[in-house]
Amino acid sequence: MSKIILASASPRRRELLGNMGLDFEIAVSDADETAVSRDVPPYMYVQELALLKAAAAAKQFVNDKEAIIIGADTIVVRGGKILGKPHDESEAFSMLKELSGNTHQVYTGYCVMRISDAYTVCENVCTDVTFKRLTDERISSYIATGEPMDKAGAYGIQGLGAMLIEKINGDYFNVVGLPVSMLADTLEKDFGFKLI
């Protein structure tokens, strides 16, 4: 029986993977994310980061031939610019102001890696998210909740940030941080899992 390792500290990814009925362990990756160039298309960038995280975590399990590592990364892109996690409230305000009334893209890349033979499958998913037009007061109120500070693009669709969103086109769970449906397909088709 394969042992799944999630190479992520994200509580949202942990919850989504758990909702898939999978038993897994957490191994936070010490990957140097600055090693990946932002001068590539967003879908390549998130896949590279996911691979980097999976490979870094895999080093901890090199002798565990049953281990399957899952690495993932999520970014928000508006007008070709990557919006990461805000460093402070001022940056969060600027990001939310930029998203206000506009459509942006959320990309999640994931890589599944089998330790026994280093077989790896990497995929990415893109979802369009359209924000309502937000007043400065509403943006400031949302920032005051503290929710935006550890989230790419300074919002969490699964929390209070849901009230800022007019519509989404694509996979909701991708925006949360893990494209559950596509990951399930990968685990079943490429790694022999039977999920449901």
N, C-alpha and C. Protein backbone atom coordinates (compact mmCIF):
# COMPACT_ATOMS: atom_id res chain seq x y z
N MET A 1 0.84 -1.20 0.00
CA MET A 1 0.00 0.00 0.00
C MET A 1 0.87 1.24 0.00
N SER A 2 0.63 2.13 -0.93
CA SER A 2 1.42 3.36 -1.02
C SER A 2 1.13 4.29 0.15
N LYS A 3 2.16 4.98 0.57
CA LYS A 3 2.03 5.98 1.62
C LYS A 3 2.10 7.36 0.97
N ILE A 4 1.07 8.17 1.17
CA ILE A 4 1.02 9.50 0.56
C ILE A 4 1.63 10.52 1.50
N ILE A 5 2.48 11.37 0.93
CA ILE A 5 3.11 12.46 1.65
C ILE A 5 2.70 13.77 0.97
N LEU A 6 2.08 14.65 1.72
CA LEU A 6 1.73 15.97 1.19
C LEU A 6 2.84 16.94 1.54
N ALA A 7 3.49 17.47 0.52
CA ALA A 7 4.62 18.38 0.72
C ALA A 7 4.10 19.82 0.79
N SER A 8 3.31 20.09 1.83
CA SER A 8 2.70 21.42 1.96
C SER A 8 2.29 21.65 3.40
N ALA A 9 2.46 22.88 3.85
CA ALA A 9 2.00 23.26 5.19
C ALA A 9 0.60 23.84 5.15
N SER A 10 0.01 23.96 3.97
CA SER A 10 -1.29 24.61 3.81
C SER A 10 -2.41 23.83 4.49
N PRO A 11 -3.11 24.45 5.45
CA PRO A 11 -4.25 23.76 6.06
C PRO A 11 -5.37 23.51 5.05
N ARG A 12 -5.46 24.34 4.03
CA ARG A 12 -6.50 24.16 3.02
C ARG A 12 -6.22 22.92 2.17
N ARG A 13 -4.96 22.74 1.77
CA ARG A 13 -4.62 21.53 1.01
C ARG A 13 -4.79 20.28 1.86
N ARG A 14 -4.42 20.39 3.11
CA ARG A 14 -4.58 19.26 4.03
C ARG A 14 -6.06 18.84 4.11
N GLU A 15 -6.93 19.81 4.24
CA GLU A 15 -8.37 19.53 4.33
C GLU A 15 -8.90 18.92 3.03
N LEU A 16 -8.49 19.50 1.89
CA LEU A 16 -8.98 18.99 0.60
C LEU A 16 -8.51 17.55 0.35
N LEU A 17 -7.25 17.27 0.67
CA LEU A 17 -6.74 15.91 0.47
C LEU A 17 -7.46 14.94 1.41
N GLY A 18 -7.71 15.37 2.63
CA GLY A 18 -8.45 14.55 3.58
C GLY A 18 -9.87 14.27 3.10
N ASN A 19 -10.50 15.26 2.46
CA ASN A 19 -11.85 15.10 1.93
C ASN A 19 -11.90 14.08 0.79
N MET A 20 -10.75 13.78 0.20
CA MET A 20 -10.69 12.77 -0.86
C MET A 20 -10.65 11.35 -0.28
N GLY A 21 -10.66 11.25 1.05
CA GLY A 21 -10.65 9.94 1.70
C GLY A 21 -9.28 9.31 1.77
N LEU A 22 -8.24 10.11 1.60
CA LEU A 22 -6.87 9.58 1.59
C LEU A 22 -6.21 9.73 2.96
N ASP A 23 -5.46 8.72 3.37
CA ASP A 23 -4.60 8.83 4.54
C ASP A 23 -3.26 9.37 4.05
N PHE A 24 -2.72 10.32 4.77
CA PHE A 24 -1.46 10.91 4.32
C PHE A 24 -0.72 11.52 5.49
N GLU A 25 0.56 11.77 5.27
CA GLU A 25 1.41 12.47 6.22
C GLU A 25 1.78 13.82 5.63
N ILE A 26 2.20 14.72 6.49
CA ILE A 26 2.67 16.04 6.05
C ILE A 26 4.19 16.08 6.15
N ALA A 27 4.84 16.56 5.12
CA ALA A 27 6.27 16.80 5.15
C ALA A 27 6.50 18.15 4.49
N VAL A 28 6.67 19.16 5.30
CA VAL A 28 6.82 20.50 4.75
C VAL A 28 8.14 20.59 4.00
N SER A 29 8.05 21.08 2.79
CA SER A 29 9.21 21.18 1.92
C SER A 29 10.06 22.39 2.29
N ASP A 30 11.37 22.22 2.20
CA ASP A 30 12.28 23.35 2.45
C ASP A 30 12.81 23.90 1.12
N ALA A 31 12.03 23.73 0.07
CA ALA A 31 12.45 24.16 -1.27
C ALA A 31 12.67 25.67 -1.32
N ASP A 32 13.70 26.07 -2.05
CA ASP A 32 13.98 27.50 -2.27
C ASP A 32 13.16 27.98 -3.45
N GLU A 33 12.00 28.58 -3.16
CA GLU A 33 11.07 28.98 -4.22
C GLU A 33 11.62 30.10 -5.10
N THR A 34 12.63 30.82 -4.60
CA THR A 34 13.22 31.88 -5.42
C THR A 34 14.07 31.30 -6.55
N ALA A 35 14.32 29.99 -6.51
CA ALA A 35 15.13 29.35 -7.56
C ALA A 35 14.36 29.22 -8.87
N VAL A 36 13.03 29.40 -8.81
CA VAL A 36 12.21 29.28 -10.02
C VAL A 36 11.99 30.67 -10.61
N SER A 37 12.31 30.80 -11.87
CA SER A 37 12.19 32.09 -12.55
C SER A 37 10.73 32.43 -12.83
N ARG A 38 10.39 33.68 -12.63
CA ARG A 38 9.03 34.15 -12.96
C ARG A 38 8.92 34.55 -14.43
N ASP A 39 10.00 34.38 -15.18
CA ASP A 39 10.02 34.77 -16.59
C ASP A 39 9.50 33.66 -17.50
N VAL A 40 8.59 32.85 -16.99
CA VAL A 40 7.95 31.80 -17.78
C VAL A 40 6.45 31.99 -17.64
N PRO A 41 5.66 31.37 -18.52
CA PRO A 41 4.20 31.48 -18.37
C PRO A 41 3.75 30.96 -17.01
N PRO A 42 2.66 31.53 -16.45
CA PRO A 42 2.21 31.13 -15.11
C PRO A 42 2.00 29.64 -14.92
N TYR A 43 1.47 28.95 -15.95
CA TYR A 43 1.23 27.51 -15.79
C TYR A 43 2.53 26.75 -15.62
N MET A 44 3.59 27.20 -16.29
CA MET A 44 4.90 26.57 -16.13
C MET A 44 5.49 26.89 -14.75
N TYR A 45 5.31 28.13 -14.34
CA TYR A 45 5.85 28.59 -13.05
C TYR A 45 5.29 27.75 -11.90
N VAL A 46 3.95 27.55 -11.87
CA VAL A 46 3.36 26.78 -10.76
C VAL A 46 3.76 25.31 -10.83
N GLN A 47 3.88 24.76 -12.03
CA GLN A 47 4.31 23.37 -12.14
C GLN A 47 5.76 23.20 -11.67
N GLU A 48 6.61 24.15 -12.03
CA GLU A 48 8.01 24.09 -11.58
C GLU A 48 8.10 24.17 -10.06
N LEU A 49 7.30 25.08 -9.47
CA LEU A 49 7.31 25.19 -8.01
C LEU A 49 6.81 23.92 -7.36
N ALA A 50 5.75 23.34 -7.91
CA ALA A 50 5.20 22.10 -7.36
C ALA A 50 6.23 20.97 -7.44
N LEU A 51 6.93 20.88 -8.57
CA LEU A 51 7.97 19.87 -8.73
C LEU A 51 9.11 20.10 -7.75
N LEU A 52 9.52 21.34 -7.60
CA LEU A 52 10.59 21.69 -6.67
C LEU A 52 10.22 21.27 -5.24
N LYS A 53 8.96 21.55 -4.84
CA LYS A 53 8.51 21.19 -3.49
C LYS A 53 8.44 19.68 -3.31
N ALA A 54 7.92 18.98 -4.32
CA ALA A 54 7.83 17.52 -4.23
C ALA A 54 9.23 16.91 -4.13
N ALA A 55 10.15 17.38 -4.96
CA ALA A 55 11.52 16.84 -4.97
C ALA A 55 12.22 17.11 -3.64
N ALA A 56 12.02 18.29 -3.08
CA ALA A 56 12.66 18.62 -1.79
C ALA A 56 12.12 17.72 -0.68
N ALA A 57 10.80 17.49 -0.68
CA ALA A 57 10.21 16.61 0.34
C ALA A 57 10.64 15.17 0.12
N ALA A 58 10.79 14.77 -1.14
CA ALA A 58 11.15 13.38 -1.46
C ALA A 58 12.49 12.99 -0.84
N LYS A 59 13.39 13.94 -0.67
CA LYS A 59 14.70 13.65 -0.07
C LYS A 59 14.56 13.04 1.32
N GLN A 60 13.47 13.39 2.02
CA GLN A 60 13.25 12.87 3.37
C GLN A 60 12.77 11.41 3.35
N PHE A 61 12.32 10.93 2.18
CA PHE A 61 11.70 9.60 2.09
C PHE A 61 12.39 8.71 1.06
N VAL A 62 13.64 9.00 0.78
CA VAL A 62 14.34 8.30 -0.30
C VAL A 62 14.44 6.79 -0.06
N ASN A 63 14.38 6.37 1.19
CA ASN A 63 14.46 4.94 1.50
C ASN A 63 13.09 4.30 1.66
N ASP A 64 12.04 5.07 1.53
CA ASP A 64 10.68 4.55 1.67
C ASP A 64 10.08 4.35 0.28
N LYS A 65 10.28 3.16 -0.26
CA LYS A 65 9.90 2.90 -1.66
C LYS A 65 8.39 2.93 -1.88
N GLU A 66 7.60 2.88 -0.82
CA GLU A 66 6.14 2.93 -0.96
C GLU A 66 5.61 4.36 -1.02
N ALA A 67 6.47 5.35 -0.77
CA ALA A 67 6.00 6.74 -0.64
C ALA A 67 5.63 7.36 -1.99
N ILE A 68 4.54 8.11 -1.96
CA ILE A 68 4.09 8.93 -3.09
C ILE A 68 4.04 10.37 -2.56
N ILE A 69 4.77 11.27 -3.19
CA ILE A 69 4.84 12.66 -2.74
C ILE A 69 3.92 13.51 -3.60
N ILE A 70 3.17 14.40 -2.96
CA ILE A 70 2.34 15.37 -3.69
C ILE A 70 2.81 16.77 -3.32
N GLY A 71 3.30 17.51 -4.31
CA GLY A 71 3.67 18.91 -4.12
C GLY A 71 2.72 19.78 -4.91
N ALA A 72 2.43 20.97 -4.39
CA ALA A 72 1.50 21.87 -5.09
C ALA A 72 1.85 23.32 -4.81
N ASP A 73 1.45 24.17 -5.73
CA ASP A 73 1.62 25.62 -5.54
C ASP A 73 0.49 26.33 -6.26
N THR A 74 0.01 27.41 -5.65
CA THR A 74 -1.08 28.20 -6.21
C THR A 74 -0.66 29.66 -6.32
N ILE A 75 -0.97 30.27 -7.48
CA ILE A 75 -0.68 31.69 -7.66
C ILE A 75 -1.91 32.39 -8.23
N VAL A 76 -1.96 33.67 -7.99
CA VAL A 76 -2.98 34.55 -8.57
C VAL A 76 -2.29 35.42 -9.60
N VAL A 77 -2.90 35.54 -10.78
CA VAL A 77 -2.30 36.33 -11.87
C VAL A 77 -3.32 37.33 -12.38
N ARG A 78 -2.92 38.58 -12.44
CA ARG A 78 -3.77 39.63 -12.99
C ARG A 78 -2.96 40.42 -14.01
N GLY A 79 -3.43 40.43 -15.25
CA GLY A 79 -2.74 41.18 -16.30
C GLY A 79 -1.31 40.72 -16.50
N GLY A 80 -1.06 39.42 -16.36
CA GLY A 80 0.28 38.89 -16.56
C GLY A 80 1.19 39.02 -15.35
N LYS A 81 0.72 39.65 -14.28
CA LYS A 81 1.53 39.87 -13.08
C LYS A 81 1.12 38.89 -11.99
N ILE A 82 2.11 38.22 -11.38
CA ILE A 82 1.84 37.28 -10.30
C ILE A 82 1.65 38.05 -9.00
N LEU A 83 0.52 37.77 -8.34
CA LEU A 83 0.25 38.37 -7.03
C LEU A 83 0.43 37.29 -5.97
N GLY A 84 1.51 37.36 -5.23
CA GLY A 84 1.79 36.36 -4.19
C GLY A 84 1.09 36.71 -2.89
N LYS A 85 1.63 36.21 -1.80
CA LYS A 85 1.09 36.55 -0.49
C LYS A 85 1.56 37.96 -0.13
N PRO A 86 0.66 38.81 0.37
CA PRO A 86 1.08 40.17 0.69
C PRO A 86 2.05 40.20 1.87
N HIS A 87 3.02 41.09 1.81
CA HIS A 87 3.99 41.23 2.89
C HIS A 87 3.44 42.06 4.04
N ASP A 88 2.50 42.95 3.73
CA ASP A 88 1.91 43.80 4.77
C ASP A 88 0.51 44.25 4.33
N GLU A 89 -0.17 44.99 5.18
CA GLU A 89 -1.54 45.41 4.89
C GLU A 89 -1.61 46.36 3.69
N SER A 90 -0.59 47.18 3.53
CA SER A 90 -0.55 48.11 2.40
C SER A 90 -0.50 47.34 1.08
N GLU A 91 0.32 46.30 1.04
CA GLU A 91 0.42 45.50 -0.18
C GLU A 91 -0.89 44.73 -0.41
N ALA A 92 -1.51 44.24 0.66
CA ALA A 92 -2.80 43.55 0.54
C ALA A 92 -3.84 44.50 -0.04
N PHE A 93 -3.83 45.75 0.40
CA PHE A 93 -4.78 46.74 -0.10
C PHE A 93 -4.57 46.96 -1.60
N SER A 94 -3.31 47.11 -2.00
CA SER A 94 -3.00 47.33 -3.42
C SER A 94 -3.46 46.16 -4.28
N MET A 95 -3.24 44.94 -3.79
CA MET A 95 -3.65 43.75 -4.55
C MET A 95 -5.17 43.70 -4.71
N LEU A 96 -5.89 43.91 -3.62
CA LEU A 96 -7.35 43.84 -3.66
C LEU A 96 -7.93 44.97 -4.51
N LYS A 97 -7.29 46.12 -4.47
CA LYS A 97 -7.72 47.24 -5.32
C LYS A 97 -7.55 46.87 -6.80
N GLU A 98 -6.47 46.17 -7.10
CA GLU A 98 -6.21 45.74 -8.47
C GLU A 98 -7.21 44.68 -8.93
N LEU A 99 -7.62 43.81 -8.02
CA LEU A 99 -8.57 42.75 -8.36
C LEU A 99 -10.01 43.27 -8.44
N SER A 100 -10.29 44.35 -7.74
CA SER A 100 -11.65 44.89 -7.67
C SER A 100 -12.25 45.16 -9.05
N GLY A 101 -13.43 44.56 -9.30
CA GLY A 101 -14.14 44.79 -10.55
C GLY A 101 -13.53 44.11 -11.77
N ASN A 102 -12.54 43.28 -11.55
CA ASN A 102 -11.82 42.65 -12.67
C ASN A 102 -11.81 41.13 -12.56
N THR A 103 -11.46 40.51 -13.69
CA THR A 103 -11.28 39.05 -13.72
C THR A 103 -9.79 38.74 -13.69
N HIS A 104 -9.43 37.78 -12.86
CA HIS A 104 -8.04 37.33 -12.80
C HIS A 104 -8.01 35.81 -12.89
N GLN A 105 -6.81 35.26 -12.95
CA GLN A 105 -6.63 33.82 -13.07
C GLN A 105 -5.96 33.27 -11.82
N VAL A 106 -6.42 32.11 -11.40
CA VAL A 106 -5.77 31.37 -10.32
C VAL A 106 -5.23 30.08 -10.93
N TYR A 107 -3.93 29.89 -10.80
CA TYR A 107 -3.26 28.70 -11.31
C TYR A 107 -2.79 27.85 -10.12
N THR A 108 -3.07 26.57 -10.18
CA THR A 108 -2.45 25.63 -9.25
C THR A 108 -1.72 24.59 -10.07
N GLY A 109 -0.46 24.40 -9.72
CA GLY A 109 0.31 23.31 -10.30
C GLY A 109 0.49 22.25 -9.24
N TYR A 110 0.46 20.99 -9.65
CA TYR A 110 0.77 19.93 -8.69
C TYR A 110 1.65 18.89 -9.37
N CYS A 111 2.45 18.22 -8.56
CA CYS A 111 3.28 17.11 -9.03
C CYS A 111 3.12 15.95 -8.07
N VAL A 112 2.91 14.78 -8.65
CA VAL A 112 2.85 13.54 -7.87
C VAL A 112 4.07 12.71 -8.25
N MET A 113 4.84 12.32 -7.25
CA MET A 113 6.12 11.65 -7.48
C MET A 113 6.19 10.34 -6.70
N ARG A 114 6.50 9.26 -7.38
CA ARG A 114 6.66 7.95 -6.74
C ARG A 114 8.15 7.74 -6.42
N ILE A 115 8.44 7.46 -5.17
CA ILE A 115 9.84 7.32 -4.75
C ILE A 115 10.52 6.11 -5.39
N SER A 116 9.79 5.00 -5.54
CA SER A 116 10.43 3.75 -5.98
C SER A 116 11.14 3.86 -7.32
N ASP A 117 10.58 4.65 -8.25
CA ASP A 117 11.21 4.77 -9.58
C ASP A 117 11.29 6.21 -10.08
N ALA A 118 10.97 7.17 -9.19
CA ALA A 118 11.00 8.60 -9.52
C ALA A 118 9.99 8.99 -10.61
N TYR A 119 9.02 8.11 -10.87
CA TYR A 119 7.98 8.45 -11.84
C TYR A 119 7.20 9.65 -11.33
N THR A 120 7.05 10.67 -12.17
CA THR A 120 6.44 11.93 -11.75
C THR A 120 5.45 12.41 -12.80
N VAL A 121 4.30 12.85 -12.33
CA VAL A 121 3.29 13.47 -13.20
C VAL A 121 3.01 14.86 -12.65
N CYS A 122 3.15 15.86 -13.51
CA CYS A 122 2.86 17.25 -13.14
C CYS A 122 1.73 17.78 -14.02
N GLU A 123 0.82 18.51 -13.41
CA GLU A 123 -0.31 19.10 -14.11
C GLU A 123 -0.55 20.50 -13.57
N ASN A 124 -1.40 21.25 -14.28
CA ASN A 124 -1.81 22.55 -13.77
C ASN A 124 -3.25 22.80 -14.18
N VAL A 125 -3.91 23.63 -13.40
CA VAL A 125 -5.30 23.99 -13.65
C VAL A 125 -5.41 25.51 -13.51
N CYS A 126 -6.22 26.11 -14.37
CA CYS A 126 -6.46 27.55 -14.32
C CYS A 126 -7.95 27.82 -14.15
N THR A 127 -8.29 28.71 -13.24
CA THR A 127 -9.67 29.11 -12.98
C THR A 127 -9.76 30.63 -13.08
N ASP A 128 -10.78 31.13 -13.78
CA ASP A 128 -11.03 32.57 -13.84
C ASP A 128 -11.90 32.99 -12.66
N VAL A 129 -11.50 34.04 -11.98
CA VAL A 129 -12.26 34.56 -10.84
C VAL A 129 -12.55 36.04 -11.09
N THR A 130 -13.80 36.43 -10.98
CA THR A 130 -14.20 37.82 -11.18
C THR A 130 -14.63 38.42 -9.83
N PHE A 131 -14.00 39.52 -9.48
CA PHE A 131 -14.33 40.23 -8.24
C PHE A 131 -15.45 41.23 -8.47
N LYS A 132 -16.24 41.46 -7.44
CA LYS A 132 -17.17 42.59 -7.42
C LYS A 132 -16.33 43.87 -7.40
N ARG A 133 -16.98 44.99 -7.70
CA ARG A 133 -16.30 46.28 -7.53
C ARG A 133 -16.32 46.60 -6.04
N LEU A 134 -15.15 46.81 -5.46
CA LEU A 134 -15.03 46.98 -4.01
C LEU A 134 -14.71 48.42 -3.65
N THR A 135 -15.35 48.93 -2.61
CA THR A 135 -15.00 50.25 -2.11
C THR A 135 -13.73 50.12 -1.27
N ASP A 136 -13.03 51.24 -1.08
CA ASP A 136 -11.84 51.23 -0.24
C ASP A 136 -12.20 50.78 1.18
N GLU A 137 -13.38 51.19 1.63
CA GLU A 137 -13.82 50.83 2.98
C GLU A 137 -14.00 49.31 3.12
N ARG A 138 -14.58 48.71 2.10
CA ARG A 138 -14.79 47.26 2.14
C ARG A 138 -13.45 46.53 2.12
N ILE A 139 -12.52 47.01 1.29
CA ILE A 139 -11.19 46.40 1.23
C ILE A 139 -10.52 46.49 2.60
N SER A 140 -10.57 47.67 3.21
CA SER A 140 -9.94 47.86 4.53
C SER A 140 -10.59 46.99 5.59
N SER A 141 -11.91 46.85 5.53
CA SER A 141 -12.63 46.00 6.50
C SER A 141 -12.19 44.55 6.36
N TYR A 142 -12.05 44.11 5.11
CA TYR A 142 -11.63 42.72 4.88
C TYR A 142 -10.20 42.51 5.38
N ILE A 143 -9.32 43.45 5.10
CA ILE A 143 -7.93 43.33 5.57
C ILE A 143 -7.87 43.28 7.09
N ALA A 144 -8.75 44.03 7.75
CA ALA A 144 -8.78 44.08 9.22
C ALA A 144 -9.12 42.72 9.83
N THR A 145 -9.73 41.83 9.07
CA THR A 145 -10.03 40.49 9.58
C THR A 145 -8.78 39.63 9.70
N GLY A 146 -7.72 40.02 8.98
CA GLY A 146 -6.47 39.26 8.99
C GLY A 146 -6.44 38.14 7.96
N GLU A 147 -7.59 37.82 7.37
CA GLU A 147 -7.65 36.68 6.45
C GLU A 147 -6.73 36.81 5.23
N PRO A 148 -6.57 38.01 4.66
CA PRO A 148 -5.78 38.11 3.42
C PRO A 148 -4.28 37.85 3.57
N MET A 149 -3.77 37.89 4.79
CA MET A 149 -2.33 38.01 4.95
C MET A 149 -1.51 36.76 4.60
N ASP A 150 -2.12 35.59 4.57
CA ASP A 150 -1.33 34.40 4.21
C ASP A 150 -1.85 33.74 2.94
N LYS A 151 -2.48 34.55 2.09
CA LYS A 151 -3.11 34.00 0.90
C LYS A 151 -2.59 34.70 -0.36
N ALA A 152 -2.34 33.90 -1.39
CA ALA A 152 -1.96 34.48 -2.69
C ALA A 152 -3.08 35.39 -3.17
N GLY A 153 -2.71 36.57 -3.64
CA GLY A 153 -3.71 37.52 -4.12
C GLY A 153 -4.46 38.23 -3.01
N ALA A 154 -4.12 37.94 -1.77
CA ALA A 154 -4.69 38.60 -0.59
C ALA A 154 -6.17 38.30 -0.36
N TYR A 155 -6.62 37.10 -0.76
CA TYR A 155 -7.99 36.72 -0.41
C TYR A 155 -8.11 35.21 -0.32
N GLY A 156 -9.11 34.78 0.44
CA GLY A 156 -9.41 33.35 0.57
C GLY A 156 -10.84 33.10 0.14
N ILE A 157 -11.02 32.38 -0.97
CA ILE A 157 -12.36 32.13 -1.50
C ILE A 157 -13.19 31.26 -0.56
N GLN A 158 -12.52 30.45 0.26
CA GLN A 158 -13.23 29.54 1.15
C GLN A 158 -13.62 30.21 2.46
N GLY A 159 -13.27 31.48 2.64
CA GLY A 159 -13.59 32.20 3.87
C GLY A 159 -14.41 33.44 3.58
N LEU A 160 -14.10 34.50 4.31
CA LEU A 160 -14.81 35.76 4.13
C LEU A 160 -14.63 36.34 2.73
N GLY A 161 -13.52 35.98 2.10
CA GLY A 161 -13.24 36.46 0.75
C GLY A 161 -14.30 36.05 -0.26
N ALA A 162 -15.09 35.03 0.04
CA ALA A 162 -16.16 34.60 -0.86
C ALA A 162 -17.14 35.74 -1.13
N MET A 163 -17.28 36.64 -0.18
CA MET A 163 -18.23 37.76 -0.33
C MET A 163 -17.72 38.83 -1.30
N LEU A 164 -16.46 38.74 -1.69
CA LEU A 164 -15.89 39.72 -2.62
C LEU A 164 -16.03 39.28 -4.07
N ILE A 165 -16.45 38.04 -4.27
CA ILE A 165 -16.40 37.43 -5.60
C ILE A 165 -17.76 37.44 -6.28
N GLU A 166 -17.76 37.89 -7.53
CA GLU A 166 -18.99 37.91 -8.33
C GLU A 166 -19.25 36.57 -8.98
N LYS A 167 -18.18 35.97 -9.57
CA LYS A 167 -18.34 34.66 -10.20
C LYS A 167 -16.99 34.01 -10.42
N ILE A 168 -17.05 32.67 -10.61
CA ILE A 168 -15.84 31.96 -11.01
C ILE A 168 -16.18 31.09 -12.21
N ASN A 169 -15.19 30.87 -13.04
CA ASN A 169 -15.34 30.00 -14.20
C ASN A 169 -14.23 28.97 -14.13
N GLY A 170 -14.60 27.74 -13.72
CA GLY A 170 -13.60 26.69 -13.59
C GLY A 170 -13.73 25.99 -12.25
N ASP A 171 -12.65 25.36 -11.84
CA ASP A 171 -12.61 24.52 -10.65
C ASP A 171 -12.48 25.37 -9.39
N TYR A 172 -13.53 25.34 -8.56
CA TYR A 172 -13.52 26.07 -7.28
C TYR A 172 -12.36 25.61 -6.39
N PHE A 173 -12.17 24.30 -6.29
CA PHE A 173 -11.15 23.77 -5.39
C PHE A 173 -9.75 24.16 -5.82
N ASN A 174 -9.57 24.40 -7.11
CA ASN A 174 -8.31 24.93 -7.61
C ASN A 174 -7.99 26.27 -6.96
N VAL A 175 -9.02 27.10 -6.81
CA VAL A 175 -8.83 28.43 -6.20
C VAL A 175 -8.50 28.28 -4.71
N VAL A 176 -9.06 27.27 -4.07
CA VAL A 176 -8.76 27.01 -2.66
C VAL A 176 -7.30 26.54 -2.51
N GLY A 177 -6.80 25.80 -3.51
CA GLY A 177 -5.39 25.41 -3.45
C GLY A 177 -5.05 24.02 -3.95
N LEU A 178 -6.07 23.23 -4.38
CA LEU A 178 -5.77 21.90 -4.88
C LEU A 178 -6.90 21.46 -5.81
N PRO A 179 -6.61 21.27 -7.10
CA PRO A 179 -7.66 20.85 -8.04
C PRO A 179 -8.01 19.38 -7.82
N VAL A 180 -8.96 19.14 -6.94
CA VAL A 180 -9.28 17.81 -6.45
C VAL A 180 -9.62 16.83 -7.57
N SER A 181 -10.46 17.25 -8.50
CA SER A 181 -10.90 16.34 -9.56
C SER A 181 -9.74 15.87 -10.43
N MET A 182 -8.89 16.80 -10.87
CA MET A 182 -7.77 16.42 -11.73
C MET A 182 -6.74 15.61 -10.95
N LEU A 183 -6.51 15.97 -9.69
CA LEU A 183 -5.57 15.19 -8.87
C LEU A 183 -6.09 13.77 -8.70
N ALA A 184 -7.39 13.60 -8.49
CA ALA A 184 -7.97 12.26 -8.37
C ALA A 184 -7.73 11.46 -9.64
N ASP A 185 -7.92 12.10 -10.79
CA ASP A 185 -7.67 11.42 -12.07
C ASP A 185 -6.22 10.96 -12.17
N THR A 186 -5.30 11.82 -11.77
CA THR A 186 -3.87 11.48 -11.83
C THR A 186 -3.56 10.31 -10.91
N LEU A 187 -4.07 10.35 -9.68
CA LEU A 187 -3.79 9.27 -8.73
C LEU A 187 -4.36 7.94 -9.21
N GLU A 188 -5.53 7.98 -9.84
CA GLU A 188 -6.16 6.74 -10.31
C GLU A 188 -5.49 6.23 -11.59
N LYS A 189 -5.34 7.11 -12.55
CA LYS A 189 -4.85 6.70 -13.89
C LYS A 189 -3.35 6.38 -13.88
N ASP A 190 -2.57 7.22 -13.20
CA ASP A 190 -1.12 7.09 -13.28
C ASP A 190 -0.48 6.35 -12.11
N PHE A 191 -1.20 6.26 -10.98
CA PHE A 191 -0.58 5.66 -9.79
C PHE A 191 -1.39 4.51 -9.20
N GLY A 192 -2.48 4.13 -9.88
CA GLY A 192 -3.21 2.93 -9.49
C GLY A 192 -4.09 3.02 -8.27
N PHE A 193 -4.41 4.23 -7.83
CA PHE A 193 -5.29 4.37 -6.67
C PHE A 193 -6.74 4.09 -7.06
N LYS A 194 -7.52 3.57 -6.13
CA LYS A 194 -8.96 3.41 -6.30
C LYS A 194 -9.60 4.31 -5.26
N LEU A 195 -10.18 5.43 -5.70
CA LEU A 195 -10.66 6.42 -4.73
C LEU A 195 -12.14 6.23 -4.42
N ILE A 196 -13.00 6.23 -5.42
CA ILE A 196 -14.43 5.93 -5.18
C ILE A 196 -14.96 5.09 -6.33
